[in-house]
Amino acid sequence: MANTSAPAISGNNPPLTAEAQANVALEARQAIANLGQAESRRMAERHDCLNSTQSDANADDGKVGKPKKSKKPKKPKGPSKDKREFDYSNVHVPHTVVPMPHLQNTARNAHLDNGLHKDQLQESSGFAEGYINRTRYHRGNIDVLHNLHPHVMYQRNPLFDINRPYQQEFTRVELNPLTGATINTTRSGLCPYCEEINFYELKNSCYSQHMSHSHGVHTDGF
């Protein structure tokens, strides 16, 4: 009988073209990339699972971070004390008027070059600019005030003198109604340049501000 076997196929594959090689390389890179993304997702899921398990364990053990320090509750502030009001409007205290010519300010302003606006200025009336006439009112005693307000004491200031323009003649101080002790934070000075009876607090500089702003007398006596 005749031999009818199929022709033999060569085992050698034909070489790939450049385009085919490029396609194979691209497919390989995509496969590797997909594999890397899948592996990354699996690792992330595994890591999240571990973190969740560890957090639950720490929460059960009460060891999550350092315990926060509890803040101490703030102490409530006490009610603010209202300042006492003292009315001396209906009280007449005899006084002696003492002129203070050596404290009068007759200084003139420095010369200014007025330029184009010189013709618009008004002539001075002849009085010195910045003239301040200070008159002192010496009371001598203020016994009439002693029974006017309860829990108050008036003290004579030993430093009061005509050569100490800033010093007050009398100091008012409130008293503790239970013990009778003086409350030094309430000390107030009687203004010697006001004709009316006006006391100003010493602690918060009300007295010094009044003396400088209203009468031009400063703490150094000028």
C-alpha atoms as a PDB file:
ATOM      1  CA  MET A   1       0.000   0.000   0.000  1.00  0.00           C
ATOM      2  CA  ALA A   2       1.041   3.524  -0.687  1.00  0.00           C
ATOM      3  CA  ASN A   3       2.278   5.721   2.180  1.00  0.00           C
ATOM      4  CA  THR A   4      -0.441   8.401   2.887  1.00  0.00           C
ATOM      5  CA  SER A   5       1.084  10.147   5.992  1.00  0.00           C
ATOM      6  CA  ALA A   6       0.722  14.020   6.304  1.00  0.00           C
ATOM      7  CA  PRO A   7       3.654  16.109   5.396  1.00  0.00           C
ATOM      8  CA  ALA A   8       5.943  16.992   8.249  1.00  0.00           C
ATOM      9  CA  ILE A   9       5.605  20.531   9.744  1.00  0.00           C
ATOM     10  CA  SER A  10       8.781  22.248  10.551  1.00  0.00           C
ATOM     11  CA  GLY A  11       9.261  23.008  14.242  1.00  0.00           C
ATOM     12  CA  ASN A  12      10.881  26.388  13.581  1.00  0.00           C
ATOM     13  CA  ASN A  13       8.362  29.379  13.829  1.00  0.00           C
ATOM     14  CA  PRO A  14       8.897  32.249  11.434  1.00  0.00           C
ATOM     15  CA  PRO A  15      10.480  35.360  13.088  1.00  0.00           C
ATOM     16  CA  LEU A  16       8.090  38.107  14.385  1.00  0.00           C
ATOM     17  CA  THR A  17       7.964  41.387  12.637  1.00  0.00           C
ATOM     18  CA  ALA A  18       8.898  44.613  14.471  1.00  0.00           C
ATOM     19  CA  GLU A  19       5.230  45.577  14.787  1.00  0.00           C
ATOM     20  CA  ALA A  20       4.323  42.210  16.261  1.00  0.00           C
ATOM     21  CA  GLN A  21       7.184  42.440  18.745  1.00  0.00           C
ATOM     22  CA  ALA A  22       5.971  45.891  19.838  1.00  0.00           C
ATOM     23  CA  ASN A  23       2.430  44.574  20.355  1.00  0.00           C
ATOM     24  CA  VAL A  24       3.702  41.647  22.410  1.00  0.00           C
ATOM     25  CA  ALA A  25       5.800  43.980  24.600  1.00  0.00           C
ATOM     26  CA  LEU A  26       2.821  46.309  25.124  1.00  0.00           C
ATOM     27  CA  GLU A  27       0.556  43.425  26.129  1.00  0.00           C
ATOM     28  CA  ALA A  28       3.213  42.179  28.533  1.00  0.00           C
ATOM     29  CA  ARG A  29       3.544  45.580  30.185  1.00  0.00           C
ATOM     30  CA  GLN A  30      -0.217  45.922  30.548  1.00  0.00           C
ATOM     31  CA  ALA A  31      -0.447  42.475  32.077  1.00  0.00           C
ATOM     32  CA  ILE A  32       2.317  43.310  34.553  1.00  0.00           C
ATOM     33  CA  ALA A  33       0.646  46.628  35.398  1.00  0.00           C
ATOM     34  CA  ASN A  34      -2.718  44.983  35.981  1.00  0.00           C
ATOM     35  CA  LEU A  35      -1.077  42.367  38.112  1.00  0.00           C
ATOM     36  CA  GLY A  36       0.679  45.086  40.146  1.00  0.00           C
ATOM     37  CA  GLN A  37      -2.576  47.016  40.714  1.00  0.00           C
ATOM     38  CA  ALA A  38      -4.402  43.910  41.810  1.00  0.00           C
ATOM     39  CA  GLU A  39      -1.592  42.982  44.165  1.00  0.00           C
ATOM     40  CA  SER A  40      -1.513  46.534  45.548  1.00  0.00           C
ATOM     41  CA  ARG A  41      -5.253  46.424  46.226  1.00  0.00           C
ATOM     42  CA  ARG A  42      -4.908  43.092  47.981  1.00  0.00           C
ATOM     43  CA  MET A  43      -2.077  44.437  50.136  1.00  0.00           C
ATOM     44  CA  ALA A  44      -4.040  47.587  50.977  1.00  0.00           C
ATOM     45  CA  GLU A  45      -7.101  45.566  51.961  1.00  0.00           C
ATOM     46  CA  ARG A  46      -4.922  43.331  54.102  1.00  0.00           C
ATOM     47  CA  HIS A  47      -3.302  46.399  55.743  1.00  0.00           C
ATOM     48  CA  ASP A  48      -6.674  48.053  56.457  1.00  0.00           C
ATOM     49  CA  CYS A  49      -7.923  44.852  57.987  1.00  0.00           C
ATOM     50  CA  LEU A  50      -4.870  44.650  60.237  1.00  0.00           C
ATOM     51  CA  ASN A  51      -5.235  48.305  61.274  1.00  0.00           C
ATOM     52  CA  SER A  52      -8.910  47.854  62.070  1.00  0.00           C
ATOM     53  CA  THR A  53      -8.199  44.768  64.144  1.00  0.00           C
ATOM     54  CA  GLN A  54      -5.361  46.499  65.995  1.00  0.00           C
ATOM     55  CA  SER A  55      -7.490  49.599  66.680  1.00  0.00           C
ATOM     56  CA  ASP A  56     -10.277  47.474  68.092  1.00  0.00           C
ATOM     57  CA  ALA A  57      -7.797  45.668  70.320  1.00  0.00           C
ATOM     58  CA  ASN A  58      -6.307  48.944  71.535  1.00  0.00           C
ATOM     59  CA  ALA A  59      -9.743  50.355  72.190  1.00  0.00           C
ATOM     60  CA  ASP A  60     -10.624  47.332  74.255  1.00  0.00           C
ATOM     61  CA  ASP A  61      -7.398  47.669  76.232  1.00  0.00           C
ATOM     62  CA  GLY A  62      -7.898  51.431  76.732  1.00  0.00           C
ATOM     63  CA  LYS A  63      -4.403  52.165  75.383  1.00  0.00           C
ATOM     64  CA  VAL A  64      -5.180  54.393  72.404  1.00  0.00           C
ATOM     65  CA  GLY A  65      -2.611  57.191  72.660  1.00  0.00           C
ATOM     66  CA  LYS A  66      -1.977  59.203  75.796  1.00  0.00           C
ATOM     67  CA  PRO A  67      -4.980  59.892  77.966  1.00  0.00           C
ATOM     68  CA  LYS A  68      -6.140  63.491  77.696  1.00  0.00           C
ATOM     69  CA  LYS A  69      -5.836  65.536  80.804  1.00  0.00           C
ATOM     70  CA  SER A  70      -9.159  66.709  82.074  1.00  0.00           C
ATOM     71  CA  LYS A  71      -9.395  70.480  82.310  1.00  0.00           C
ATOM     72  CA  LYS A  72     -10.146  71.899  85.678  1.00  0.00           C
ATOM     73  CA  PRO A  73     -13.425  73.792  85.749  1.00  0.00           C
ATOM     74  CA  LYS A  74     -12.941  77.525  85.908  1.00  0.00           C
ATOM     75  CA  LYS A  75     -13.893  79.150  89.126  1.00  0.00           C
ATOM     76  CA  PRO A  76     -16.887  81.422  88.674  1.00  0.00           C
ATOM     77  CA  LYS A  77     -16.041  85.054  89.050  1.00  0.00           C
ATOM     78  CA  GLY A  78     -17.594  86.753  91.963  1.00  0.00           C
ATOM     79  CA  PRO A  79     -20.071  89.546  91.413  1.00  0.00           C
ATOM     80  CA  SER A  80     -18.401  92.850  90.620  1.00  0.00           C
ATOM     81  CA  LYS A  81     -18.666  95.388  93.367  1.00  0.00           C
ATOM     82  CA  ASP A  82     -20.332  98.612  92.366  1.00  0.00           C
ATOM     83  CA  LYS A  83     -18.481 101.762  93.299  1.00  0.00           C
ATOM     84  CA  ARG A  84     -20.137 103.931  95.863  1.00  0.00           C
ATOM     85  CA  GLU A  85     -21.496 107.238  94.747  1.00  0.00           C
ATOM     86  CA  PHE A  86     -20.779 110.276  96.918  1.00  0.00           C
ATOM     87  CA  ASP A  87     -22.868 113.399  96.465  1.00  0.00           C
ATOM     88  CA  TYR A  88     -21.451 116.672  97.797  1.00  0.00           C
ATOM     89  CA  SER A  89     -23.557 119.017  95.677  1.00  0.00           C
ATOM     90  CA  ASN A  90     -25.645 120.275  98.620  1.00  0.00           C
ATOM     91  CA  VAL A  91     -22.725 120.698 101.013  1.00  0.00           C
ATOM     92  CA  HIS A  92     -20.940 124.001 101.524  1.00  0.00           C
ATOM     93  CA  VAL A  93     -17.392 123.809 102.831  1.00  0.00           C
ATOM     94  CA  PRO A  94     -15.724 127.143 103.666  1.00  0.00           C
ATOM     95  CA  HIS A  95     -12.496 127.730 101.769  1.00  0.00           C
ATOM     96  CA  THR A  96      -9.755 130.278 101.305  1.00  0.00           C
ATOM     97  CA  VAL A  97      -8.788 131.342  97.791  1.00  0.00           C
ATOM     98  CA  VAL A  98      -5.033 131.188  97.268  1.00  0.00           C
ATOM     99  CA  PRO A  99      -3.767 132.613  93.938  1.00  0.00           C
ATOM    100  CA  MET A 100      -0.851 130.786  92.392  1.00  0.00           C
ATOM    101  CA  PRO A 101       0.892 133.280  90.099  1.00  0.00           C
ATOM    102  CA  HIS A 102       4.068 131.208  89.968  1.00  0.00           C
ATOM    103  CA  LEU A 103       2.060 128.402  88.359  1.00  0.00           C
ATOM    104  CA  GLN A 104       0.598 130.559  85.595  1.00  0.00           C
ATOM    105  CA  ASN A 105       1.667 129.483  82.139  1.00  0.00           C
ATOM    106  CA  THR A 106       2.489 132.480  79.934  1.00  0.00           C
ATOM    107  CA  ALA A 107       4.518 130.614  77.323  1.00  0.00           C
ATOM    108  CA  ARG A 108       3.957 131.612  73.705  1.00  0.00           C
ATOM    109  CA  ASN A 109       3.841 129.294  70.771  1.00  0.00           C
ATOM    110  CA  ALA A 110       6.948 128.998  68.638  1.00  0.00           C
ATOM    111  CA  HIS A 111       7.068 131.159  65.504  1.00  0.00           C
ATOM    112  CA  LEU A 112       5.574 129.418  62.505  1.00  0.00           C
ATOM    113  CA  ASP A 113       6.075 130.246  58.848  1.00  0.00           C
ATOM    114  CA  ASN A 114       2.453 130.543  57.769  1.00  0.00           C
ATOM    115  CA  GLY A 115       3.226 130.900  54.056  1.00  0.00           C
ATOM    116  CA  LEU A 116       0.272 131.470  51.744  1.00  0.00           C
ATOM    117  CA  HIS A 117      -2.292 131.354  54.570  1.00  0.00           C
ATOM    118  CA  LYS A 118      -0.737 134.186  56.561  1.00  0.00           C
ATOM    119  CA  ASP A 119      -3.299 136.761  55.394  1.00  0.00           C
ATOM    120  CA  GLN A 120      -6.141 134.543  56.664  1.00  0.00           C
ATOM    121  CA  LEU A 121      -4.951 134.523  60.284  1.00  0.00           C
ATOM    122  CA  GLN A 122      -6.585 136.717  62.891  1.00  0.00           C
ATOM    123  CA  GLU A 123      -4.535 139.001  65.053  1.00  0.00           C
ATOM    124  CA  SER A 124      -4.103 138.049  68.697  1.00  0.00           C
ATOM    125  CA  SER A 125      -6.073 140.021  71.285  1.00  0.00           C
ATOM    126  CA  GLY A 126      -2.861 140.687  73.170  1.00  0.00           C
ATOM    127  CA  PHE A 127      -3.216 137.948  75.773  1.00  0.00           C
ATOM    128  CA  ALA A 128      -0.554 135.289  75.981  1.00  0.00           C
ATOM    129  CA  GLU A 129      -1.351 132.091  74.139  1.00  0.00           C
ATOM    130  CA  GLY A 130      -1.925 129.039  76.317  1.00  0.00           C
ATOM    131  CA  TYR A 131      -2.660 131.178  79.393  1.00  0.00           C
ATOM    132  CA  ILE A 132      -3.638 129.076  82.397  1.00  0.00           C
ATOM    133  CA  ASN A 133      -4.611 130.719  85.669  1.00  0.00           C
ATOM    134  CA  ARG A 134      -4.510 128.292  88.580  1.00  0.00           C
ATOM    135  CA  THR A 135      -6.292 129.135  91.809  1.00  0.00           C
ATOM    136  CA  ARG A 136      -6.164 126.932  94.878  1.00  0.00           C
ATOM    137  CA  TYR A 137      -8.966 126.467  97.365  1.00  0.00           C
ATOM    138  CA  HIS A 138      -7.746 125.676 100.862  1.00  0.00           C
ATOM    139  CA  ARG A 139     -10.495 124.216 103.063  1.00  0.00           C
ATOM    140  CA  GLY A 140      -8.685 123.960 106.374  1.00  0.00           C
ATOM    141  CA  ASN A 141     -11.194 121.414 107.706  1.00  0.00           C
ATOM    142  CA  ILE A 142     -14.030 119.386 106.281  1.00  0.00           C
ATOM    143  CA  ASP A 143     -15.783 118.361 109.481  1.00  0.00           C
ATOM    144  CA  VAL A 144     -19.126 118.971 107.806  1.00  0.00           C
ATOM    145  CA  LEU A 145     -18.509 115.883 105.666  1.00  0.00           C
ATOM    146  CA  HIS A 146     -17.870 113.419 108.483  1.00  0.00           C
ATOM    147  CA  ASN A 147     -21.495 112.384 109.046  1.00  0.00           C
ATOM    148  CA  LEU A 148     -22.619 112.768 105.447  1.00  0.00           C
ATOM    149  CA  HIS A 149     -21.849 109.192 104.319  1.00  0.00           C
ATOM    150  CA  PRO A 150     -21.479 106.063 106.501  1.00  0.00           C
ATOM    151  CA  HIS A 151     -18.291 103.988 106.658  1.00  0.00           C
ATOM    152  CA  VAL A 152     -16.071 106.765 105.315  1.00  0.00           C
ATOM    153  CA  MET A 153     -13.087 108.519 106.853  1.00  0.00           C
ATOM    154  CA  TYR A 154     -11.307 111.706 105.776  1.00  0.00           C
ATOM    155  CA  GLN A 155      -7.589 112.100 106.428  1.00  0.00           C
ATOM    156  CA  ARG A 156      -5.512 115.245 106.235  1.00  0.00           C
ATOM    157  CA  ASN A 157      -2.516 114.922 103.902  1.00  0.00           C
ATOM    158  CA  PRO A 158       0.679 115.986 105.740  1.00  0.00           C
ATOM    159  CA  LEU A 159       2.381 116.689 102.373  1.00  0.00           C
ATOM    160  CA  PHE A 160      -0.160 119.336 101.388  1.00  0.00           C
ATOM    161  CA  ASP A 161       1.734 122.589 100.883  1.00  0.00           C
ATOM    162  CA  ILE A 162       1.730 125.562  98.533  1.00  0.00           C
ATOM    163  CA  ASN A 163       5.147 124.461  97.310  1.00  0.00           C
ATOM    164  CA  ARG A 164       3.779 121.023  96.412  1.00  0.00           C
ATOM    165  CA  PRO A 165       1.141 121.900  93.802  1.00  0.00           C
ATOM    166  CA  TYR A 166       0.194 118.295  93.066  1.00  0.00           C
ATOM    167  CA  GLN A 167      -0.628 117.163  96.626  1.00  0.00           C
ATOM    168  CA  GLN A 168      -4.243 116.916  97.786  1.00  0.00           C
ATOM    169  CA  GLU A 169      -5.330 118.533 101.033  1.00  0.00           C
ATOM    170  CA  PHE A 170      -7.585 115.673 102.182  1.00  0.00           C
ATOM    171  CA  THR A 171      -7.873 111.983 101.355  1.00  0.00           C
ATOM    172  CA  ARG A 172     -11.113 110.040 101.512  1.00  0.00           C
ATOM    173  CA  VAL A 173     -10.990 106.316 102.310  1.00  0.00           C
ATOM    174  CA  GLU A 174     -13.822 103.843 102.771  1.00  0.00           C
ATOM    175  CA  LEU A 175     -14.079 101.596 105.835  1.00  0.00           C
ATOM    176  CA  ASN A 176     -14.972  97.940 106.169  1.00  0.00           C
ATOM    177  CA  PRO A 177     -18.468  97.982 107.706  1.00  0.00           C
ATOM    178  CA  LEU A 178     -17.711  94.852 109.784  1.00  0.00           C
ATOM    179  CA  THR A 179     -14.208  95.554 111.087  1.00  0.00           C
ATOM    180  CA  GLY A 180     -13.865  99.297 110.607  1.00  0.00           C
ATOM    181  CA  ALA A 181     -10.511  98.794 108.847  1.00  0.00           C
ATOM    182  CA  THR A 182      -9.579 101.116 106.014  1.00  0.00           C
ATOM    183  CA  ILE A 183      -9.915  99.833 102.441  1.00  0.00           C
ATOM    184  CA  ASN A 184      -6.818 101.331 100.876  1.00  0.00           C
ATOM    185  CA  THR A 185      -7.901 100.586  97.305  1.00  0.00           C
ATOM    186  CA  THR A 186     -10.668 103.177  97.729  1.00  0.00           C
ATOM    187  CA  ARG A 187      -8.397 106.088  98.609  1.00  0.00           C
ATOM    188  CA  SER A 188      -9.360 109.278  96.773  1.00  0.00           C
ATOM    189  CA  GLY A 189      -7.826 112.755  96.810  1.00  0.00           C
ATOM    190  CA  LEU A 190      -9.677 116.071  97.124  1.00  0.00           C
ATOM    191  CA  CYS A 191      -8.761 118.346  94.227  1.00  0.00           C
ATOM    192  CA  PRO A 192      -7.361 121.654  95.585  1.00  0.00           C
ATOM    193  CA  TYR A 193      -8.043 123.508  92.296  1.00  0.00           C
ATOM    194  CA  CYS A 194     -11.784 122.784  92.006  1.00  0.00           C
ATOM    195  CA  GLU A 195     -14.087 125.161  93.834  1.00  0.00           C
ATOM    196  CA  GLU A 196     -16.569 122.319  94.249  1.00  0.00           C
ATOM    197  CA  ILE A 197     -15.880 119.275  96.405  1.00  0.00           C
ATOM    198  CA  ASN A 198     -14.466 116.703  93.991  1.00  0.00           C
ATOM    199  CA  PHE A 199     -12.631 113.542  95.031  1.00  0.00           C
ATOM    200  CA  TYR A 200     -10.720 111.437  92.501  1.00  0.00           C
ATOM    201  CA  GLU A 201      -9.364 107.925  92.996  1.00  0.00           C
ATOM    202  CA  LEU A 202      -5.629 107.586  93.553  1.00  0.00           C
ATOM    203  CA  LYS A 203      -5.150 103.900  92.680  1.00  0.00           C
ATOM    204  CA  ASN A 204      -6.324 104.050  89.054  1.00  0.00           C
ATOM    205  CA  SER A 205      -4.677 107.435  88.317  1.00  0.00           C
ATOM    206  CA  CYS A 206      -7.993 109.308  88.103  1.00  0.00           C
ATOM    207  CA  TYR A 207      -6.547 111.996  90.369  1.00  0.00           C
ATOM    208  CA  SER A 208      -3.387 112.457  88.288  1.00  0.00           C
ATOM    209  CA  GLN A 209      -5.356 112.523  85.026  1.00  0.00           C
ATOM    210  CA  HIS A 210      -7.748 115.130  86.383  1.00  0.00           C
ATOM    211  CA  MET A 211      -4.900 117.280  87.660  1.00  0.00           C
ATOM    212  CA  SER A 212      -3.001 117.170  84.371  1.00  0.00           C
ATOM    213  CA  HIS A 213      -5.952 117.460  81.979  1.00  0.00           C
ATOM    214  CA  SER A 214      -8.082 119.968  83.900  1.00  0.00           C
ATOM    215  CA  HIS A 215      -5.492 122.065  85.716  1.00  0.00           C
ATOM    216  CA  GLY A 216      -2.182 121.413  83.954  1.00  0.00           C
ATOM    217  CA  VAL A 217      -0.499 120.213  87.150  1.00  0.00           C
ATOM    218  CA  HIS A 218       1.541 117.038  86.752  1.00  0.00           C
ATOM    219  CA  THR A 219       2.943 114.567  89.244  1.00  0.00           C
ATOM    220  CA  ASP A 220       6.259 116.418  89.356  1.00  0.00           C
ATOM    221  CA  GLY A 221       4.477 119.584  90.502  1.00  0.00           C
ATOM    222  CA  PHE A 222       4.642 121.468  87.200  1.00  0.00           C
END
